[in-house]
Amino acid sequence: MDPGWPASRDFLRTQAFDALSGAGDATCGEWEEWSSGQAFHLRRRLTVIEQTLVGDACDIRGTPEAHTRLAATRAALPLAYRGLVRDDTPTP
């Protein structure tokens, strides 16, 4: 692993908020979760316009779409961090 890992909670929280900047509507609901000292999750309700564009949420865990999205996420990361992304989704 990268010698700087694990990143601090504050660093990961800042990254999560930066990633969602301009997306969703925190006034409709926003949740923070610090899991296992390794990941910071930020969840936010969509705006009405965003919800209209993307449709209803659905569970894609274990589907080919989930694996495609995970691969795209991994590819967008700096090379040093790509190995930190685990595919924990069950396969059907």
Protein backbone atom coordinates (compact mmCIF):
# COMPACT_ATOMS: atom_id res chain seq x y z
CA MET A 1 0.00 0.00 0.00
CA ASP A 2 0.97 3.58 -0.48
CA PRO A 3 2.99 4.80 2.52
CA GLY A 4 0.53 7.69 3.00
CA TRP A 5 -2.39 5.32 3.38
CA PRO A 6 -4.67 5.26 5.26
CA ALA A 7 -5.66 8.82 4.56
CA SER A 8 -7.15 10.73 7.44
CA ARG A 9 -10.89 11.00 7.98
CA ASP A 10 -10.71 14.77 7.44
CA PHE A 11 -8.87 14.37 4.12
CA LEU A 12 -11.37 11.78 2.85
CA ARG A 13 -14.32 13.87 4.06
CA THR A 14 -12.99 16.88 2.14
CA GLN A 15 -12.55 14.73 -0.98
CA ALA A 16 -16.12 13.43 -0.70
CA PHE A 17 -17.57 16.92 -0.38
CA ASP A 18 -15.43 18.15 -3.29
CA ALA A 19 -16.62 15.23 -5.44
CA LEU A 20 -20.27 16.07 -4.75
CA SER A 21 -19.87 19.81 -5.13
CA GLY A 22 -22.81 21.06 -7.17
CA ALA A 23 -24.60 17.70 -7.06
CA GLY A 24 -27.68 16.82 -5.09
CA ASP A 25 -29.55 18.86 -2.50
CA ALA A 26 -28.18 18.59 1.03
CA THR A 27 -31.26 20.36 2.39
CA CYS A 28 -33.36 17.37 1.26
CA GLY A 29 -31.08 14.94 3.10
CA GLU A 30 -27.41 14.23 3.51
CA TRP A 31 -25.64 11.45 5.42
CA GLU A 32 -22.00 10.97 6.38
CA GLU A 33 -20.43 7.65 7.31
CA TRP A 34 -16.87 6.86 8.38
CA SER A 35 -16.48 3.13 7.84
CA SER A 36 -13.76 0.96 9.28
CA GLY A 37 -11.29 3.80 9.35
CA GLN A 38 -10.75 3.35 5.62
CA ALA A 39 -13.53 5.13 3.76
CA PHE A 40 -15.69 8.18 4.12
CA HIS A 41 -19.11 7.96 2.51
CA LEU A 42 -21.25 10.98 1.73
CA ARG A 43 -24.78 10.39 0.56
CA ARG A 44 -27.06 13.15 -0.60
CA ARG A 45 -30.57 13.32 -1.97
CA LEU A 46 -30.88 14.35 -5.61
CA THR A 47 -32.50 17.58 -6.71
CA VAL A 48 -35.89 17.25 -8.41
CA ILE A 49 -34.26 17.90 -11.79
CA GLU A 50 -31.52 15.30 -11.17
CA GLN A 51 -34.12 12.74 -10.09
CA THR A 52 -36.10 13.36 -13.28
CA LEU A 53 -32.97 12.86 -15.40
CA VAL A 54 -31.69 9.67 -13.75
CA GLY A 55 -34.93 7.98 -12.67
CA ASP A 56 -35.48 5.89 -9.58
CA ALA A 57 -32.58 4.32 -7.74
CA CYS A 58 -32.07 0.60 -8.14
CA ASP A 59 -29.70 -1.96 -6.60
CA ILE A 60 -27.06 -2.91 -9.17
CA ARG A 61 -24.78 -4.91 -6.83
CA GLY A 62 -23.51 -8.04 -8.48
CA THR A 63 -24.62 -7.00 -11.96
CA PRO A 64 -22.42 -6.41 -15.00
CA GLU A 65 -23.27 -2.69 -14.66
CA ALA A 66 -21.82 -2.65 -11.14
CA HIS A 67 -18.55 -4.17 -12.35
CA THR A 68 -18.40 -1.72 -15.28
CA ARG A 69 -18.89 1.24 -12.94
CA LEU A 70 -16.25 -0.08 -10.55
CA ALA A 71 -13.75 -0.47 -13.41
CA ALA A 72 -14.44 3.11 -14.55
CA THR A 73 -13.96 4.39 -11.01
CA ARG A 74 -10.71 2.50 -10.63
CA ALA A 75 -9.44 3.86 -13.97
CA ALA A 76 -10.13 7.44 -12.85
CA LEU A 77 -7.95 7.11 -9.75
CA PRO A 78 -4.25 7.92 -9.63
CA LEU A 79 -2.27 4.76 -10.35
CA ALA A 80 -0.99 4.48 -6.78
CA TYR A 81 -4.56 4.15 -5.46
CA ARG A 82 -6.13 1.81 -7.99
CA GLY A 83 -5.17 -1.28 -6.04
CA LEU A 84 -7.09 0.00 -3.02
CA VAL A 85 -10.44 -0.36 -4.81
CA ARG A 86 -11.96 -3.73 -3.95
CA ASP A 87 -14.73 -5.43 -5.84
CA ASP A 88 -16.88 -6.71 -3.00
CA THR A 89 -20.02 -7.03 -5.07
CA PRO A 90 -21.37 -10.57 -5.26
CA THR A 91 -21.66 -12.10 -8.68
CA PRO A 92 -25.00 -13.64 -9.64
